[in-house]
Amino acid sequence: MKKHHLRHLTAFLVAGGCLAAASPAMAAYPDQPVRLIVPYAPGGTTDLIARIVAPRLGEALGQPVVILNKPGAGGAIGSTSAAREKPDGYTLVMAVESSHAVNPSVHAKQLYDPVKDFSPISNLANVLGVLDVNADSPIKTFQQLVDTLKAEPGKYSFGSSGNGGYSHLFGERFKSATQTQLLHVPYKGLGPALTDLLAGQINVVFDNLPSSYGQIESGKLRALAVAAPHRVKQLPDVPTYAEVGYPQLNTPSWFGLAAPAGVPDDILDTLNQAVKTALADPKVVLQIEQQGAVPDYTTRQQFADMIRESNERWQQVVTDIKFEKL
């Protein structure tokens, strides 16, 4: 073979090899935007945590993380949708205690399995709970609320993120612990519930502090108690549930990140490290803490253990309060 023909053949083979290396099948993950399904309405705690973390997560991944809200059925609609997505790492879901432990515990027929249908990535934050009333309410303290509910049973209502959601079950736990009555009003997320609380359409919301804090700080809502290990520095005058005599209600909730089951381990490891990077950013930490939450990076296995243990705990709660499954 002549030398110039050999040179052409070599150049062709090298070029072909470069094209093969650049083909989509060989591209490094991720090479396109990643969707993050939030199974609750905009304005609620899950949405807030997602929007704080997503930009820095996108920077760590080198691709935008685009948030898609799919609210309804206490987080079941968005979670079910996520579970059915292709397990390629390009669709993630906010896996939170409400949708991935409480919701499955209260439904007789499960639309998704919170353990088997998802690949845990990491926890993002532990969120403190807060009991809210309208600032114009004559009720000023936790004990005054309990006394009022006992004096006028059935007159007052509480709003939740939906039937069987965390805020609903927490309200049921409150009723059981205090031996009071409250009418349950379900919404498609805590954002709409807070809107009606501000408008005086309902009387109480058992919220997560991130979604309520701005309204509490502005004086539009009044916090009567927080679910936290100790008093929150942003609300130093608000007692914990333990301080007012109800330690069984003094439990924060977890908010994490997962993918559909079957995502390859190397992609899950990449996502876990991206979360670690995002939660190490002082700006992200500050934003989360300003919302009344605590950043909490975990390994994949640690988060999987949290989900499993939380499911066992909530199933026991449902049994203890004699909750009629939906």
Protein backbone atom coordinates (compact mmCIF):
# COMPACT_ATOMS: atom_id res chain seq x y z
CA MET A 1 0.00 0.00 0.00
CA LYS A 2 1.35 3.44 -0.91
CA LYS A 3 2.37 5.72 1.94
CA HIS A 4 -0.20 8.44 1.17
CA HIS A 5 -3.00 5.84 1.12
CA LEU A 6 -1.83 4.55 4.50
CA ARG A 7 -1.88 8.07 5.91
CA HIS A 8 -5.46 8.59 4.68
CA LEU A 9 -6.57 5.27 6.16
CA THR A 10 -4.96 6.08 9.52
CA ALA A 11 -6.60 9.51 9.61
CA PHE A 12 -9.98 7.95 8.79
CA LEU A 13 -9.69 5.39 11.57
CA VAL A 14 -8.64 8.03 14.11
CA ALA A 15 -11.53 10.28 13.11
CA GLY A 16 -13.94 7.35 13.34
CA GLY A 17 -12.67 6.56 16.80
CA CYS A 18 -13.19 10.15 17.93
CA LEU A 19 -16.76 10.11 16.63
CA ALA A 20 -17.46 6.87 18.46
CA ALA A 21 -16.08 8.31 21.68
CA ALA A 22 -18.34 11.34 21.30
CA SER A 23 -21.48 9.33 20.53
CA PRO A 24 -24.44 9.69 22.95
CA ALA A 25 -24.04 6.10 24.13
CA MET A 26 -20.52 6.92 25.36
CA ALA A 27 -21.28 10.39 26.77
CA ALA A 28 -20.56 10.98 30.45
CA TYR A 29 -23.54 11.52 32.78
CA PRO A 30 -25.16 13.99 32.71
CA ASP A 31 -25.10 15.42 29.20
CA GLN A 32 -28.54 17.06 29.34
CA PRO A 33 -30.75 18.83 31.93
CA VAL A 34 -32.03 16.81 34.88
CA ARG A 35 -35.68 17.02 35.95
CA LEU A 36 -36.56 17.15 39.64
CA ILE A 37 -40.17 16.24 40.40
CA VAL A 38 -41.60 17.97 43.48
CA PRO A 39 -44.76 16.05 44.45
CA TYR A 40 -46.30 19.09 46.16
CA ALA A 41 -47.52 22.54 45.16
CA PRO A 42 -45.24 25.58 44.84
CA GLY A 43 -44.74 27.48 48.09
CA GLY A 44 -44.66 24.50 50.43
CA THR A 45 -41.61 23.26 52.30
CA THR A 46 -40.72 20.53 49.80
CA ASP A 47 -40.75 23.09 47.01
CA LEU A 48 -38.65 25.56 49.00
CA ILE A 49 -35.97 23.03 49.90
CA ALA A 50 -35.84 21.82 46.30
CA ARG A 51 -35.43 25.36 44.94
CA ILE A 52 -32.63 26.15 47.41
CA VAL A 53 -30.62 23.04 46.55
CA ALA A 54 -31.35 22.62 42.81
CA PRO A 55 -29.18 25.48 41.43
CA ARG A 56 -26.06 24.38 43.34
CA LEU A 57 -26.79 20.74 42.52
CA GLY A 58 -26.93 21.72 38.85
CA GLU A 59 -23.57 23.46 39.11
CA ALA A 60 -22.02 20.35 40.66
CA LEU A 61 -23.46 18.16 37.89
CA GLY A 62 -22.63 20.57 35.08
CA GLN A 63 -26.25 20.55 33.86
CA PRO A 64 -29.36 22.50 34.95
CA VAL A 65 -31.71 20.84 37.43
CA VAL A 66 -35.22 21.82 36.36
CA ILE A 67 -38.02 21.65 38.92
CA LEU A 68 -41.40 20.22 37.93
CA ASN A 69 -44.24 20.46 40.46
CA LYS A 70 -46.74 17.57 40.36
CA PRO A 71 -48.98 18.03 43.42
CA GLY A 72 -51.93 16.01 44.64
CA ALA A 73 -53.00 13.07 46.81
CA GLY A 74 -50.56 13.87 49.60
CA GLY A 75 -47.56 13.54 47.30
CA ALA A 76 -48.73 10.32 45.66
CA ILE A 77 -49.32 11.73 42.16
CA GLY A 78 -45.82 13.12 41.72
CA SER A 79 -44.15 10.18 43.45
CA THR A 80 -46.02 7.64 41.33
CA SER A 81 -45.08 9.56 38.20
CA ALA A 82 -41.42 9.57 39.22
CA ALA A 83 -41.42 5.84 39.99
CA ARG A 84 -42.54 5.11 36.41
CA GLU A 85 -39.85 7.22 34.74
CA LYS A 86 -36.91 5.69 32.88
CA PRO A 87 -34.14 4.87 35.39
CA ASP A 88 -31.42 6.85 33.62
CA GLY A 89 -30.72 9.53 36.21
CA TYR A 90 -32.45 12.28 34.26
CA THR A 91 -35.58 12.27 36.43
CA LEU A 92 -35.26 12.68 40.19
CA VAL A 93 -37.88 13.17 42.88
CA MET A 94 -38.06 14.86 46.25
CA ALA A 95 -38.44 11.89 48.59
CA VAL A 96 -39.81 13.31 51.83
CA GLU A 97 -41.22 11.75 54.95
CA SER A 98 -44.76 12.70 53.99
CA SER A 99 -44.71 11.07 50.55
CA HIS A 100 -42.28 8.23 51.25
CA ALA A 101 -43.34 7.07 54.72
CA VAL A 102 -46.62 8.62 55.88
CA ASN A 103 -48.59 8.39 52.64
CA PRO A 104 -47.88 4.67 52.04
CA SER A 105 -48.82 3.93 55.66
CA VAL A 106 -52.32 5.40 55.35
CA HIS A 107 -53.48 3.94 52.05
CA ALA A 108 -55.02 0.47 51.86
CA LYS A 109 -53.89 0.24 48.23
CA GLN A 110 -50.42 1.56 47.51
CA LEU A 111 -49.74 3.23 44.16
CA TYR A 112 -46.00 2.90 44.73
CA ASP A 113 -43.64 1.17 47.13
CA PRO A 114 -41.49 3.81 48.90
CA VAL A 115 -38.65 1.32 49.38
CA LYS A 116 -38.69 -0.93 46.29
CA ASP A 117 -39.69 1.62 43.63
CA PHE A 118 -36.95 4.19 44.30
CA SER A 119 -33.18 4.50 44.47
CA PRO A 120 -32.27 6.65 47.51
CA ILE A 121 -29.62 9.30 46.83
CA SER A 122 -29.26 11.37 50.01
CA ASN A 123 -31.20 13.25 52.61
CA LEU A 124 -31.10 17.02 52.09
CA ALA A 125 -32.50 18.53 55.28
CA ASN A 126 -34.35 17.81 58.49
CA VAL A 127 -37.23 20.22 58.76
CA LEU A 128 -38.71 21.53 61.98
CA GLY A 129 -42.49 21.54 62.41
CA VAL A 130 -44.56 24.48 63.61
CA LEU A 131 -48.16 24.95 64.76
CA ASP A 132 -49.60 28.09 63.13
CA VAL A 133 -52.67 30.22 63.74
CA ASN A 134 -53.65 33.48 62.11
CA ALA A 135 -52.06 36.48 63.84
CA ASP A 136 -55.58 37.94 64.28
CA SER A 137 -56.72 34.85 66.19
CA PRO A 138 -57.60 35.45 69.85
CA ILE A 139 -55.60 32.29 70.68
CA LYS A 140 -52.18 33.36 71.94
CA THR A 141 -50.62 30.20 73.40
CA PHE A 142 -50.54 26.44 72.89
CA GLN A 143 -52.41 25.79 76.13
CA GLN A 144 -55.06 28.34 75.20
CA LEU A 145 -55.57 26.48 71.91
CA VAL A 146 -56.03 23.17 73.71
CA ASP A 147 -58.43 24.72 76.23
CA THR A 148 -60.45 26.39 73.45
CA LEU A 149 -60.72 23.17 71.43
CA LYS A 150 -61.95 21.28 74.48
CA ALA A 151 -64.46 23.99 75.33
CA GLU A 152 -65.83 24.17 71.77
CA PRO A 153 -65.36 20.72 70.20
CA GLY A 154 -65.88 20.54 66.44
CA LYS A 155 -65.91 24.30 65.89
CA TYR A 156 -62.32 24.70 64.67
CA SER A 157 -60.54 23.33 61.60
CA PHE A 158 -57.02 22.57 60.43
CA GLY A 159 -55.66 22.49 56.90
CA SER A 160 -53.20 19.94 55.49
CA SER A 161 -51.32 19.12 52.30
CA GLY A 162 -53.90 16.43 51.54
CA ASN A 163 -55.59 13.30 52.89
CA GLY A 164 -52.99 11.00 54.41
CA GLY A 165 -50.15 13.50 54.15
CA TYR A 166 -47.66 14.27 56.91
CA SER A 167 -49.49 17.41 58.04
CA HIS A 168 -52.78 15.50 58.12
CA LEU A 169 -51.36 12.65 60.20
CA PHE A 170 -49.59 15.11 62.48
CA GLY A 171 -52.93 16.80 63.05
CA GLU A 172 -54.45 13.43 63.93
CA ARG A 173 -51.57 12.77 66.34
CA PHE A 174 -52.19 16.20 67.90
CA LYS A 175 -55.89 15.42 68.37
CA SER A 176 -55.08 12.06 69.93
CA ALA A 177 -52.39 13.45 72.24
CA THR A 178 -54.45 16.45 73.42
CA GLN A 179 -57.83 14.67 73.33
CA THR A 180 -59.38 17.45 71.27
CA GLN A 181 -61.40 17.74 68.07
CA LEU A 182 -60.43 19.56 64.88
CA LEU A 183 -62.15 19.36 61.48
CA HIS A 184 -59.69 18.31 58.79
CA VAL A 185 -59.63 20.35 55.54
CA PRO A 186 -57.33 18.81 52.86
CA TYR A 187 -55.56 20.89 50.20
CA LYS A 188 -53.24 20.15 47.28
CA GLY A 189 -50.18 21.18 49.26
CA LEU A 190 -49.46 23.31 52.29
CA GLY A 191 -49.05 26.47 50.21
CA PRO A 192 -52.81 26.68 49.49
CA ALA A 193 -53.58 25.72 53.11
CA LEU A 194 -51.48 28.63 54.37
CA THR A 195 -53.27 30.97 51.97
CA ASP A 196 -56.61 30.04 53.53
CA LEU A 197 -55.15 30.29 57.04
CA LEU A 198 -54.03 33.84 56.25
CA ALA A 199 -57.52 34.57 54.88
CA GLY A 200 -59.19 33.23 58.02
CA GLN A 201 -60.93 30.34 56.22
CA ILE A 202 -59.34 27.74 58.52
CA ASN A 203 -58.00 28.05 62.07
CA VAL A 204 -54.84 25.95 62.36
CA VAL A 205 -52.08 24.51 60.15
CA PHE A 206 -49.48 22.00 61.29
CA ASP A 207 -46.78 23.20 58.93
CA ASN A 208 -43.08 22.85 58.35
CA LEU A 209 -41.20 25.91 59.51
CA PRO A 210 -39.59 26.80 56.13
CA SER A 211 -42.92 27.49 54.42
CA SER A 212 -44.36 29.41 57.39
CA TYR A 213 -41.38 31.35 58.65
CA GLY A 214 -41.74 34.35 56.34
CA GLN A 215 -45.37 34.87 57.35
CA ILE A 216 -44.52 34.41 61.04
CA GLU A 217 -41.65 36.88 60.77
CA SER A 218 -43.87 39.43 59.02
CA GLY A 219 -46.47 39.14 61.78
CA LYS A 220 -49.22 37.59 59.66
CA LEU A 221 -49.09 34.20 61.39
CA ARG A 222 -48.54 33.28 65.04
CA ALA A 223 -46.50 30.20 65.99
CA LEU A 224 -47.68 28.38 69.11
CA ALA A 225 -45.20 25.48 69.23
CA VAL A 226 -42.31 23.97 67.27
CA ALA A 227 -41.23 20.37 66.74
CA ALA A 228 -37.51 20.68 67.46
CA PRO A 229 -34.85 19.37 69.86
CA HIS A 230 -34.66 22.85 71.40
CA ARG A 231 -36.06 26.32 70.83
CA VAL A 232 -35.41 27.73 67.38
CA LYS A 233 -33.11 30.76 67.33
CA GLN A 234 -35.39 32.52 64.82
CA LEU A 235 -38.36 32.04 67.20
CA PRO A 236 -36.88 32.23 70.70
CA ASP A 237 -40.23 32.90 72.37
CA VAL A 238 -41.98 29.87 70.85
CA PRO A 239 -41.83 26.70 73.02
CA THR A 240 -41.17 23.20 71.72
CA TYR A 241 -43.89 20.58 71.95
CA ALA A 242 -41.84 18.92 74.68
CA GLU A 243 -41.89 22.13 76.72
CA VAL A 244 -45.67 22.33 76.58
CA GLY A 245 -46.00 18.73 77.71
CA TYR A 246 -46.23 16.74 74.46
CA PRO A 247 -42.80 15.23 73.70
CA GLN A 248 -44.40 12.63 71.37
CA LEU A 249 -45.10 15.48 68.92
CA ASN A 250 -41.57 16.88 69.06
CA THR A 251 -40.20 15.21 65.90
CA PRO A 252 -38.73 17.00 62.82
CA SER A 253 -39.23 15.44 59.37
CA TRP A 254 -36.73 14.52 56.65
CA PHE A 255 -36.59 15.83 53.08
CA GLY A 256 -34.37 13.97 50.64
CA LEU A 257 -33.63 13.08 47.05
CA ALA A 258 -34.27 9.84 45.16
CA ALA A 259 -34.50 8.42 41.65
CA PRO A 260 -36.58 5.65 40.10
CA ALA A 261 -35.43 2.14 41.04
CA GLY A 262 -32.84 0.67 38.69
CA VAL A 263 -30.60 3.70 38.14
CA PRO A 264 -27.00 2.44 37.75
CA ASP A 265 -24.78 2.75 40.82
CA ASP A 266 -22.22 4.99 39.12
CA ILE A 267 -24.94 7.55 38.31
CA LEU A 268 -26.33 7.36 41.85
CA ASP A 269 -22.83 7.90 43.23
CA THR A 270 -22.41 10.94 40.97
CA LEU A 271 -25.70 12.37 42.25
CA ASN A 272 -24.80 11.63 45.88
CA GLN A 273 -21.49 13.46 45.51
CA ALA A 274 -23.28 16.39 43.86
CA VAL A 275 -25.59 16.61 46.89
CA LYS A 276 -22.55 16.51 49.18
CA THR A 277 -21.00 19.38 47.23
CA ALA A 278 -24.23 21.40 47.27
CA LEU A 279 -24.75 20.98 51.02
CA ALA A 280 -21.14 21.99 51.69
CA ASP A 281 -21.79 25.38 50.08
CA PRO A 282 -22.08 27.99 52.90
CA LYS A 283 -24.70 29.92 50.93
CA VAL A 284 -26.91 26.84 50.59
CA VAL A 285 -26.42 25.98 54.27
CA LEU A 286 -27.39 29.52 55.28
CA GLN A 287 -30.49 29.52 53.09
CA ILE A 288 -31.66 26.21 54.52
CA GLU A 289 -30.99 27.29 58.10
CA GLN A 290 -32.76 30.61 57.54
CA GLN A 291 -35.85 28.58 56.69
CA GLY A 292 -35.75 26.77 60.03
CA ALA A 293 -34.27 23.54 58.68
CA VAL A 294 -31.00 21.67 59.24
CA PRO A 295 -28.88 20.52 56.24
CA ASP A 296 -28.24 16.79 56.39
CA TYR A 297 -26.09 15.02 53.80
CA THR A 298 -26.17 11.22 54.07
CA THR A 299 -24.72 8.30 52.17
CA ARG A 300 -27.06 6.36 49.91
CA GLN A 301 -27.28 3.54 52.44
CA GLN A 302 -27.94 5.87 55.36
CA PHE A 303 -30.83 7.46 53.49
CA ALA A 304 -32.21 4.05 52.52
CA ASP A 305 -32.15 3.07 56.21
CA MET A 306 -33.95 6.31 57.16
CA ILE A 307 -36.73 5.60 54.67
CA ARG A 308 -37.19 2.01 55.83
CA GLU A 309 -37.16 2.87 59.55
CA SER A 310 -39.52 5.80 59.05
CA ASN A 311 -42.02 3.58 57.24
CA GLU A 312 -42.00 1.14 60.14
CA ARG A 313 -42.51 3.98 62.63
CA TRP A 314 -45.44 5.57 60.77
CA GLN A 315 -47.17 2.25 60.26
CA GLN A 316 -47.10 1.89 64.03
CA VAL A 317 -48.47 5.44 64.48
CA VAL A 318 -51.37 4.67 62.12
CA THR A 319 -52.16 1.60 64.21
CA ASP A 320 -51.86 3.46 67.52
CA ILE A 321 -54.23 6.31 66.58
CA LYS A 322 -56.65 3.85 64.91
CA PHE A 323 -56.49 5.77 61.63
CA GLU A 324 -58.92 4.41 59.02
CA LYS A 325 -56.89 3.77 55.89
CA LEU A 326 -57.89 5.62 52.75
